[in-house]
Amino acid sequence: MKYLVAAAAVGLLLSANAQADQALATAKGCMACHDIGAKKVGPAYKEVAKKYHGDKGAEAKLVKKVLDGGSGVWGPVPMPANKTMGVSEADAKKLVTWILSLK
């Protein structure tokens, strides 16, 4: 019984963390161009996680991309430099960690 309670607690923590990070993505305007499971203007976050799975340098690359913007990896539409729109480096790291955790 105690293992079931522990598993439920871990599940709730993970769920709450995922919701909090999606809330941050929504608050920072990311969800206007991205979706978790479907391509919009930019790639689906699950596709990003899949592309960078196993890449040891992915977090640093993606944090830089979120902050500085760029184009060409997912098509011709550029992603704006989000640091000019109020996304801090700490926010970018939290968002990228969440995105890379998606399955």
N, C-alpha and C. Protein backbone atom coordinates (compact mmCIF):
# COMPACT_ATOMS: atom_id res chain seq x y z
N MET A 1 0.81 -1.19 0.00
CA MET A 1 0.00 0.00 0.00
C MET A 1 0.86 1.26 0.00
N LYS A 2 1.95 1.26 0.79
CA LYS A 2 2.78 2.46 0.85
C LYS A 2 3.47 2.72 -0.48
N TYR A 3 3.73 1.66 -1.29
CA TYR A 3 4.34 1.86 -2.60
C TYR A 3 3.35 2.53 -3.55
N LEU A 4 2.10 2.17 -3.43
CA LEU A 4 1.06 2.78 -4.25
C LEU A 4 0.92 4.27 -3.92
N VAL A 5 0.96 4.60 -2.65
CA VAL A 5 0.88 6.00 -2.22
C VAL A 5 2.09 6.77 -2.72
N ALA A 6 3.27 6.18 -2.62
CA ALA A 6 4.50 6.84 -3.10
C ALA A 6 4.44 7.05 -4.60
N ALA A 7 3.98 6.06 -5.35
CA ALA A 7 3.87 6.19 -6.80
C ALA A 7 2.87 7.28 -7.17
N ALA A 8 1.77 7.34 -6.46
CA ALA A 8 0.76 8.38 -6.72
C ALA A 8 1.34 9.77 -6.43
N ALA A 9 2.10 9.89 -5.36
CA ALA A 9 2.71 11.17 -5.01
C ALA A 9 3.69 11.63 -6.09
N VAL A 10 4.51 10.70 -6.58
CA VAL A 10 5.45 11.04 -7.65
C VAL A 10 4.69 11.46 -8.90
N GLY A 11 3.65 10.74 -9.23
CA GLY A 11 2.82 11.09 -10.39
C GLY A 11 2.22 12.48 -10.27
N LEU A 12 1.73 12.82 -9.10
CA LEU A 12 1.16 14.15 -8.89
C LEU A 12 2.21 15.24 -9.01
N LEU A 13 3.40 15.00 -8.49
CA LEU A 13 4.48 15.98 -8.59
C LEU A 13 4.88 16.20 -10.04
N LEU A 14 5.03 15.11 -10.78
CA LEU A 14 5.39 15.23 -12.20
C LEU A 14 4.31 15.94 -12.99
N SER A 15 3.07 15.61 -12.72
CA SER A 15 1.95 16.24 -13.40
C SER A 15 1.89 17.73 -13.08
N ALA A 16 2.07 18.08 -11.83
CA ALA A 16 2.04 19.49 -11.44
C ALA A 16 3.18 20.25 -12.08
N ASN A 17 4.38 19.64 -12.16
CA ASN A 17 5.53 20.28 -12.78
C ASN A 17 5.26 20.49 -14.27
N ALA A 18 4.72 19.49 -14.95
CA ALA A 18 4.43 19.61 -16.38
C ALA A 18 3.40 20.71 -16.62
N GLN A 19 2.38 20.78 -15.78
CA GLN A 19 1.37 21.83 -15.93
C GLN A 19 1.98 23.20 -15.67
N ALA A 20 2.86 23.30 -14.70
CA ALA A 20 3.50 24.58 -14.39
C ALA A 20 4.35 25.04 -15.55
N ASP A 21 5.07 24.13 -16.19
CA ASP A 21 5.92 24.52 -17.30
C ASP A 21 5.10 24.85 -18.55
N GLN A 22 4.00 24.16 -18.75
CA GLN A 22 3.10 24.53 -19.84
C GLN A 22 2.48 25.90 -19.55
N ALA A 23 2.20 26.15 -18.29
CA ALA A 23 1.67 27.46 -17.91
C ALA A 23 2.70 28.56 -18.20
N LEU A 24 3.98 28.28 -17.95
CA LEU A 24 5.03 29.25 -18.25
C LEU A 24 5.11 29.47 -19.76
N ALA A 25 5.03 28.40 -20.53
CA ALA A 25 5.06 28.52 -22.00
C ALA A 25 3.88 29.36 -22.49
N THR A 26 2.74 29.18 -21.88
CA THR A 26 1.56 29.96 -22.26
C THR A 26 1.76 31.42 -21.85
N ALA A 27 2.23 31.64 -20.64
CA ALA A 27 2.43 33.00 -20.15
C ALA A 27 3.44 33.78 -20.97
N LYS A 28 4.46 33.10 -21.46
CA LYS A 28 5.52 33.77 -22.23
C LYS A 28 5.19 33.87 -23.73
N GLY A 29 4.02 33.34 -24.13
CA GLY A 29 3.60 33.47 -25.53
C GLY A 29 4.07 32.36 -26.44
N CYS A 30 4.76 31.37 -25.91
CA CYS A 30 5.30 30.28 -26.73
C CYS A 30 4.21 29.47 -27.41
N MET A 31 3.09 29.30 -26.70
CA MET A 31 2.02 28.44 -27.22
C MET A 31 1.27 29.10 -28.39
N ALA A 32 1.55 30.36 -28.67
CA ALA A 32 0.95 31.01 -29.83
C ALA A 32 1.49 30.40 -31.12
N CYS A 33 2.75 29.97 -31.09
CA CYS A 33 3.38 29.40 -32.29
C CYS A 33 3.67 27.91 -32.17
N HIS A 34 3.65 27.38 -30.95
CA HIS A 34 3.97 25.97 -30.72
C HIS A 34 2.82 25.28 -30.01
N ASP A 35 2.76 23.97 -30.19
CA ASP A 35 1.81 23.12 -29.48
C ASP A 35 2.59 21.93 -28.96
N ILE A 36 2.05 21.23 -28.01
CA ILE A 36 2.76 20.07 -27.49
C ILE A 36 2.84 18.96 -28.53
N GLY A 37 1.72 18.66 -29.18
CA GLY A 37 1.70 17.50 -30.06
C GLY A 37 1.47 17.76 -31.53
N ALA A 38 1.22 19.00 -31.93
CA ALA A 38 0.92 19.29 -33.33
C ALA A 38 1.70 20.51 -33.81
N LYS A 39 2.16 20.46 -35.05
CA LYS A 39 2.86 21.60 -35.64
C LYS A 39 1.90 22.77 -35.79
N LYS A 40 2.37 23.94 -35.44
CA LYS A 40 1.63 25.18 -35.69
C LYS A 40 2.54 26.02 -36.60
N VAL A 41 2.86 27.21 -36.20
CA VAL A 41 3.85 28.02 -36.93
C VAL A 41 5.22 27.39 -36.76
N GLY A 42 5.51 26.96 -35.53
CA GLY A 42 6.76 26.26 -35.22
C GLY A 42 6.48 24.79 -34.97
N PRO A 43 7.52 24.03 -34.71
CA PRO A 43 7.35 22.59 -34.52
C PRO A 43 6.63 22.25 -33.21
N ALA A 44 6.02 21.07 -33.19
CA ALA A 44 5.43 20.56 -31.96
C ALA A 44 6.55 20.28 -30.97
N TYR A 45 6.30 20.55 -29.71
CA TYR A 45 7.33 20.31 -28.70
C TYR A 45 7.74 18.85 -28.61
N LYS A 46 6.81 17.93 -28.86
CA LYS A 46 7.18 16.51 -28.83
C LYS A 46 8.15 16.17 -29.98
N GLU A 47 8.02 16.85 -31.10
CA GLU A 47 8.96 16.65 -32.22
C GLU A 47 10.34 17.19 -31.86
N VAL A 48 10.37 18.32 -31.16
CA VAL A 48 11.65 18.89 -30.71
C VAL A 48 12.33 17.90 -29.76
N ALA A 49 11.55 17.37 -28.81
CA ALA A 49 12.10 16.40 -27.85
C ALA A 49 12.64 15.17 -28.57
N LYS A 50 11.91 14.72 -29.57
CA LYS A 50 12.33 13.54 -30.34
C LYS A 50 13.62 13.82 -31.12
N LYS A 51 13.67 14.97 -31.77
CA LYS A 51 14.85 15.32 -32.57
C LYS A 51 16.12 15.40 -31.72
N TYR A 52 16.00 15.94 -30.52
CA TYR A 52 17.17 16.18 -29.69
C TYR A 52 17.41 15.11 -28.62
N HIS A 53 16.60 14.04 -28.65
CA HIS A 53 16.77 12.95 -27.68
C HIS A 53 18.19 12.38 -27.78
N GLY A 54 18.86 12.30 -26.68
CA GLY A 54 20.21 11.75 -26.64
C GLY A 54 21.32 12.73 -26.99
N ASP A 55 20.98 13.94 -27.38
CA ASP A 55 21.97 14.96 -27.72
C ASP A 55 22.41 15.65 -26.43
N LYS A 56 23.63 15.42 -26.01
CA LYS A 56 24.13 15.95 -24.73
C LYS A 56 24.17 17.49 -24.71
N GLY A 57 24.33 18.10 -25.86
CA GLY A 57 24.41 19.56 -25.92
C GLY A 57 23.09 20.23 -26.25
N ALA A 58 22.02 19.45 -26.29
CA ALA A 58 20.73 19.99 -26.73
C ALA A 58 20.23 21.12 -25.84
N GLU A 59 20.34 20.96 -24.53
CA GLU A 59 19.78 21.98 -23.64
C GLU A 59 20.44 23.33 -23.91
N ALA A 60 21.73 23.38 -23.97
CA ALA A 60 22.43 24.65 -24.20
C ALA A 60 22.07 25.24 -25.56
N LYS A 61 22.02 24.39 -26.60
CA LYS A 61 21.66 24.87 -27.94
C LYS A 61 20.26 25.46 -27.96
N LEU A 62 19.33 24.75 -27.33
CA LEU A 62 17.94 25.19 -27.37
C LEU A 62 17.69 26.42 -26.50
N VAL A 63 18.38 26.53 -25.37
CA VAL A 63 18.25 27.73 -24.55
C VAL A 63 18.72 28.94 -25.36
N LYS A 64 19.83 28.80 -26.04
CA LYS A 64 20.33 29.88 -26.90
C LYS A 64 19.33 30.21 -27.99
N LYS A 65 18.74 29.19 -28.60
CA LYS A 65 17.76 29.41 -29.67
C LYS A 65 16.52 30.12 -29.13
N VAL A 66 16.05 29.73 -27.96
CA VAL A 66 14.89 30.39 -27.36
C VAL A 66 15.21 31.86 -27.09
N LEU A 67 16.37 32.13 -26.54
CA LEU A 67 16.72 33.50 -26.18
C LEU A 67 17.04 34.37 -27.39
N ASP A 68 17.83 33.82 -28.34
CA ASP A 68 18.32 34.62 -29.47
C ASP A 68 17.48 34.50 -30.73
N GLY A 69 16.62 33.48 -30.80
CA GLY A 69 15.83 33.24 -32.00
C GLY A 69 16.66 32.56 -33.07
N GLY A 70 16.08 32.40 -34.24
CA GLY A 70 16.79 31.78 -35.35
C GLY A 70 15.82 31.18 -36.34
N SER A 71 16.38 30.59 -37.39
CA SER A 71 15.54 29.95 -38.41
C SER A 71 16.35 28.88 -39.14
N GLY A 72 15.63 28.12 -39.93
CA GLY A 72 16.29 27.14 -40.80
C GLY A 72 16.25 25.71 -40.32
N VAL A 73 16.14 25.46 -39.04
CA VAL A 73 16.14 24.08 -38.54
C VAL A 73 14.80 23.41 -38.82
N TRP A 74 13.70 24.15 -38.63
CA TRP A 74 12.35 23.59 -38.77
C TRP A 74 11.60 24.21 -39.94
N GLY A 75 12.27 24.95 -40.77
CA GLY A 75 11.61 25.59 -41.90
C GLY A 75 12.02 27.05 -42.00
N PRO A 76 11.41 27.77 -42.93
CA PRO A 76 11.84 29.14 -43.20
C PRO A 76 11.32 30.20 -42.23
N VAL A 77 10.31 29.88 -41.43
CA VAL A 77 9.73 30.89 -40.53
C VAL A 77 10.67 31.08 -39.33
N PRO A 78 11.16 32.29 -39.13
CA PRO A 78 12.09 32.51 -38.01
C PRO A 78 11.38 32.57 -36.66
N MET A 79 12.08 32.11 -35.64
CA MET A 79 11.60 32.28 -34.27
C MET A 79 12.23 33.58 -33.76
N PRO A 80 11.42 34.45 -33.17
CA PRO A 80 11.97 35.71 -32.69
C PRO A 80 12.87 35.52 -31.47
N ALA A 81 13.68 36.52 -31.21
CA ALA A 81 14.53 36.52 -30.02
C ALA A 81 13.64 36.78 -28.82
N ASN A 82 13.41 35.74 -28.04
CA ASN A 82 12.49 35.85 -26.91
C ASN A 82 13.04 36.62 -25.73
N LYS A 83 14.36 36.82 -25.69
CA LYS A 83 14.92 37.62 -24.58
C LYS A 83 14.45 39.06 -24.68
N THR A 84 14.08 39.51 -25.87
CA THR A 84 13.56 40.86 -26.02
C THR A 84 12.09 40.94 -25.65
N MET A 85 11.47 39.77 -25.39
CA MET A 85 10.05 39.74 -25.04
C MET A 85 9.82 39.26 -23.61
N GLY A 86 10.85 39.38 -22.78
CA GLY A 86 10.68 39.10 -21.36
C GLY A 86 10.98 37.68 -20.92
N VAL A 87 11.60 36.87 -21.77
CA VAL A 87 11.99 35.52 -21.36
C VAL A 87 13.42 35.59 -20.82
N SER A 88 13.57 35.26 -19.55
CA SER A 88 14.89 35.27 -18.93
C SER A 88 15.62 33.96 -19.25
N GLU A 89 16.91 33.92 -18.96
CA GLU A 89 17.67 32.70 -19.15
C GLU A 89 17.12 31.58 -18.26
N ALA A 90 16.72 31.90 -17.04
CA ALA A 90 16.14 30.90 -16.14
C ALA A 90 14.83 30.35 -16.70
N ASP A 91 13.99 31.24 -17.26
CA ASP A 91 12.75 30.79 -17.89
C ASP A 91 13.05 29.88 -19.08
N ALA A 92 14.01 30.28 -19.90
CA ALA A 92 14.37 29.49 -21.08
C ALA A 92 14.86 28.10 -20.67
N LYS A 93 15.68 28.02 -19.64
CA LYS A 93 16.17 26.72 -19.17
C LYS A 93 15.02 25.85 -18.67
N LYS A 94 14.10 26.45 -17.93
CA LYS A 94 12.95 25.69 -17.43
C LYS A 94 12.09 25.19 -18.59
N LEU A 95 11.84 26.05 -19.56
CA LEU A 95 11.05 25.66 -20.73
C LEU A 95 11.73 24.55 -21.53
N VAL A 96 13.02 24.69 -21.77
CA VAL A 96 13.75 23.68 -22.55
C VAL A 96 13.79 22.35 -21.81
N THR A 97 14.00 22.38 -20.53
CA THR A 97 14.00 21.14 -19.73
C THR A 97 12.65 20.45 -19.85
N TRP A 98 11.59 21.21 -19.77
CA TRP A 98 10.24 20.66 -19.91
C TRP A 98 10.03 20.09 -21.31
N ILE A 99 10.39 20.85 -22.34
CA ILE A 99 10.21 20.38 -23.72
C ILE A 99 10.96 19.09 -23.96
N LEU A 100 12.21 19.03 -23.51
CA LEU A 100 13.02 17.82 -23.73
C LEU A 100 12.50 16.62 -22.94
N SER A 101 11.69 16.86 -21.93
CA SER A 101 11.13 15.75 -21.14
C SER A 101 9.88 15.14 -21.77
N LEU A 102 9.32 15.80 -22.77
CA LEU A 102 8.08 15.33 -23.38
C LEU A 102 8.34 14.07 -24.20
N LYS A 103 7.39 13.19 -24.17
CA LYS A 103 7.51 11.93 -24.94
C LYS A 103 6.43 11.88 -26.00
